Amino acid sequence: FLATPPWDLTPGETVALKLQVRSVHGIRHLSWQGDTQALSLTAGTDTRSTEGWTIIMPAWDHREGAANRWRLSVVVEDEKGQRVSSNEITLALTEPFITMPDDNPHWQPFQEQ
């Protein structure tokens, strides 16, 4: 079971993933599926462990039609080669109060004024 974070997610936020696995035979391999690259998925000290996995939420995409949502699931393989897929979670950013594109000429850092 892959737990969905219960709070509003913000750009750049690091989220610890909570993965619950019951395996009599131990875990051989975890294979993450979905938007792993966009979410900067990072393993803990042991890639076979359910502990220590984190993601970093991407920046808000202000382009028209951008979903600002990412999907993630995991396939767990035990020492006997049996595989099971977790539920898929959707991680969505909370829209910033003000969204301003980085290249907007009206947006200037205060120190440059």
C-alpha atoms as a PDB file:
ATOM      1  CA  PHE A   1       0.000   0.000   0.000  1.00  0.00           C
ATOM      2  CA  LEU A   2       1.364   3.411  -1.014  1.00  0.00           C
ATOM      3  CA  ALA A   3      -0.012   6.211   1.160  1.00  0.00           C
ATOM      4  CA  THR A   4      -1.189   9.480  -0.371  1.00  0.00           C
ATOM      5  CA  PRO A   5       0.112  12.594   1.385  1.00  0.00           C
ATOM      6  CA  PRO A   6      -2.885  14.151   3.174  1.00  0.00           C
ATOM      7  CA  TRP A   7      -1.774  17.761   2.885  1.00  0.00           C
ATOM      8  CA  ASP A   8      -1.519  20.386   0.153  1.00  0.00           C
ATOM      9  CA  LEU A   9       1.769  20.005  -1.691  1.00  0.00           C
ATOM     10  CA  THR A  10       3.889  22.982  -2.700  1.00  0.00           C
ATOM     11  CA  PRO A  11       6.613  23.343  -5.348  1.00  0.00           C
ATOM     12  CA  GLY A  12      10.029  22.224  -4.085  1.00  0.00           C
ATOM     13  CA  GLU A  13       8.573  20.353  -1.116  1.00  0.00           C
ATOM     14  CA  THR A  14      10.332  17.112  -0.177  1.00  0.00           C
ATOM     15  CA  VAL A  15       7.841  14.343   0.557  1.00  0.00           C
ATOM     16  CA  ALA A  16       8.730  11.120   2.381  1.00  0.00           C
ATOM     17  CA  LEU A  17       6.885   8.221   0.768  1.00  0.00           C
ATOM     18  CA  LYS A  18       5.083   5.789   3.055  1.00  0.00           C
ATOM     19  CA  LEU A  19       5.047   2.262   1.690  1.00  0.00           C
ATOM     20  CA  GLN A  20       3.466  -0.624   3.590  1.00  0.00           C
ATOM     21  CA  VAL A  21       4.459  -4.120   2.440  1.00  0.00           C
ATOM     22  CA  ARG A  22       3.709  -7.480   4.027  1.00  0.00           C
ATOM     23  CA  SER A  23       6.112 -10.075   2.678  1.00  0.00           C
ATOM     24  CA  VAL A  24       6.837 -13.483   4.171  1.00  0.00           C
ATOM     25  CA  HIS A  25       9.789 -13.989   1.805  1.00  0.00           C
ATOM     26  CA  GLY A  26      11.476 -10.575   2.053  1.00  0.00           C
ATOM     27  CA  ILE A  27      11.861  -7.920  -0.620  1.00  0.00           C
ATOM     28  CA  ARG A  28      14.209  -8.510  -3.560  1.00  0.00           C
ATOM     29  CA  HIS A  29      13.411  -5.433  -5.613  1.00  0.00           C
ATOM     30  CA  LEU A  30      11.236  -2.305  -5.712  1.00  0.00           C
ATOM     31  CA  SER A  31      10.403  -0.955  -9.159  1.00  0.00           C
ATOM     32  CA  TRP A  32       8.794   2.483  -9.168  1.00  0.00           C
ATOM     33  CA  GLN A  33       6.372   3.357 -11.959  1.00  0.00           C
ATOM     34  CA  GLY A  34       4.987   6.667 -13.187  1.00  0.00           C
ATOM     35  CA  ASP A  35       6.482  10.140 -13.129  1.00  0.00           C
ATOM     36  CA  THR A  36       9.613   9.183 -11.178  1.00  0.00           C
ATOM     37  CA  GLN A  37      11.974  11.501 -13.062  1.00  0.00           C
ATOM     38  CA  ALA A  38       9.747  14.578 -12.831  1.00  0.00           C
ATOM     39  CA  LEU A  39       9.313  13.880  -9.101  1.00  0.00           C
ATOM     40  CA  SER A  40      13.068  13.416  -8.469  1.00  0.00           C
ATOM     41  CA  LEU A  41      12.493  10.042  -6.798  1.00  0.00           C
ATOM     42  CA  THR A  42      15.366   9.242  -4.423  1.00  0.00           C
ATOM     43  CA  ALA A  43      16.074   6.030  -2.538  1.00  0.00           C
ATOM     44  CA  GLY A  44      17.150   5.781   1.066  1.00  0.00           C
ATOM     45  CA  THR A  45      20.305   3.910   2.063  1.00  0.00           C
ATOM     46  CA  ASP A  46      18.908   0.544   0.900  1.00  0.00           C
ATOM     47  CA  THR A  47      17.033   0.409  -2.413  1.00  0.00           C
ATOM     48  CA  ARG A  48      15.359  -2.862  -1.348  1.00  0.00           C
ATOM     49  CA  SER A  49      13.873  -1.225   1.736  1.00  0.00           C
ATOM     50  CA  THR A  50      10.461   0.419   1.922  1.00  0.00           C
ATOM     51  CA  GLU A  51      11.995   3.116   4.151  1.00  0.00           C
ATOM     52  CA  GLY A  52      13.742   6.319   3.129  1.00  0.00           C
ATOM     53  CA  TRP A  53      12.185   6.949  -0.296  1.00  0.00           C
ATOM     54  CA  THR A  54      11.496  10.615  -1.059  1.00  0.00           C
ATOM     55  CA  ILE A  55      10.320  12.798  -3.900  1.00  0.00           C
ATOM     56  CA  ILE A  56      10.666  16.516  -4.550  1.00  0.00           C
ATOM     57  CA  MET A  57       7.623  18.257  -5.955  1.00  0.00           C
ATOM     58  CA  PRO A  58       8.341  20.046  -9.254  1.00  0.00           C
ATOM     59  CA  ALA A  59       7.873  23.763  -9.858  1.00  0.00           C
ATOM     60  CA  TRP A  60       4.397  25.001 -10.713  1.00  0.00           C
ATOM     61  CA  ASP A  61       3.854  24.905 -14.483  1.00  0.00           C
ATOM     62  CA  HIS A  62       1.902  28.027 -15.403  1.00  0.00           C
ATOM     63  CA  ARG A  63       1.441  27.080 -19.078  1.00  0.00           C
ATOM     64  CA  GLU A  64      -2.115  26.690 -20.309  1.00  0.00           C
ATOM     65  CA  GLY A  65      -3.293  23.111 -20.041  1.00  0.00           C
ATOM     66  CA  ALA A  66      -0.573  22.050 -17.596  1.00  0.00           C
ATOM     67  CA  ALA A  67      -1.966  19.502 -15.136  1.00  0.00           C
ATOM     68  CA  ASN A  68       0.492  20.011 -12.252  1.00  0.00           C
ATOM     69  CA  ARG A  69      -0.287  16.402 -11.263  1.00  0.00           C
ATOM     70  CA  TRP A  70       1.970  13.368 -11.230  1.00  0.00           C
ATOM     71  CA  ARG A  71       1.303   9.655 -10.762  1.00  0.00           C
ATOM     72  CA  LEU A  72       3.341   7.136  -8.821  1.00  0.00           C
ATOM     73  CA  SER A  73       3.103   3.450  -7.944  1.00  0.00           C
ATOM     74  CA  VAL A  74       5.536   0.671  -7.080  1.00  0.00           C
ATOM     75  CA  VAL A  75       5.941  -2.980  -8.021  1.00  0.00           C
ATOM     76  CA  VAL A  76       7.363  -5.103  -5.201  1.00  0.00           C
ATOM     77  CA  GLU A  77       9.185  -8.344  -6.011  1.00  0.00           C
ATOM     78  CA  ASP A  78       9.895 -10.798  -3.200  1.00  0.00           C
ATOM     79  CA  GLU A  79      12.834 -13.215  -2.882  1.00  0.00           C
ATOM     80  CA  LYS A  80      10.784 -15.943  -4.608  1.00  0.00           C
ATOM     81  CA  GLY A  81      10.145 -13.739  -7.660  1.00  0.00           C
ATOM     82  CA  GLN A  82       6.496 -13.033  -6.891  1.00  0.00           C
ATOM     83  CA  ARG A  83       5.431  -9.516  -7.885  1.00  0.00           C
ATOM     84  CA  VAL A  84       2.619  -7.307  -6.715  1.00  0.00           C
ATOM     85  CA  SER A  85       1.703  -3.749  -7.730  1.00  0.00           C
ATOM     86  CA  SER A  86       0.728  -1.086  -5.251  1.00  0.00           C
ATOM     87  CA  ASN A  87      -2.128   1.304  -5.648  1.00  0.00           C
ATOM     88  CA  GLU A  88      -1.399   4.331  -7.823  1.00  0.00           C
ATOM     89  CA  ILE A  89      -1.321   7.705  -6.106  1.00  0.00           C
ATOM     90  CA  THR A  90      -1.723  11.118  -7.682  1.00  0.00           C
ATOM     91  CA  LEU A  91       0.357  13.964  -6.318  1.00  0.00           C
ATOM     92  CA  ALA A  92      -0.981  17.408  -7.147  1.00  0.00           C
ATOM     93  CA  LEU A  93       0.420  20.831  -6.420  1.00  0.00           C
ATOM     94  CA  THR A  94      -1.656  23.494  -4.769  1.00  0.00           C
ATOM     95  CA  GLU A  95      -1.794  26.485  -7.084  1.00  0.00           C
ATOM     96  CA  PRO A  96       0.361  29.326  -5.767  1.00  0.00           C
ATOM     97  CA  PHE A  97      -1.485  32.439  -4.641  1.00  0.00           C
ATOM     98  CA  ILE A  98       0.257  34.392  -7.389  1.00  0.00           C
ATOM     99  CA  THR A  99       1.830  32.689 -10.366  1.00  0.00           C
ATOM    100  CA  MET A 100       4.365  34.708 -12.274  1.00  0.00           C
ATOM    101  CA  PRO A 101       6.467  33.226 -15.089  1.00  0.00           C
ATOM    102  CA  ASP A 102      10.208  33.544 -14.499  1.00  0.00           C
ATOM    103  CA  ASP A 103      10.641  35.393 -17.795  1.00  0.00           C
ATOM    104  CA  ASN A 104       7.891  37.971 -17.090  1.00  0.00           C
ATOM    105  CA  PRO A 105       9.453  41.458 -17.524  1.00  0.00           C
ATOM    106  CA  HIS A 106       7.190  42.853 -14.770  1.00  0.00           C
ATOM    107  CA  TRP A 107       8.761  40.533 -12.212  1.00  0.00           C
ATOM    108  CA  GLN A 108      12.017  42.000 -10.950  1.00  0.00           C
ATOM    109  CA  PRO A 109      13.769  41.086  -7.715  1.00  0.00           C
ATOM    110  CA  PHE A 110      13.631  43.966  -5.227  1.00  0.00           C
ATOM    111  CA  GLN A 111      17.412  44.330  -5.080  1.00  0.00           C
ATOM    112  CA  GLU A 112      17.542  45.169  -8.816  1.00  0.00           C
ATOM    113  CA  GLN A 113      15.212  48.160  -8.540  1.00  0.00           C
END
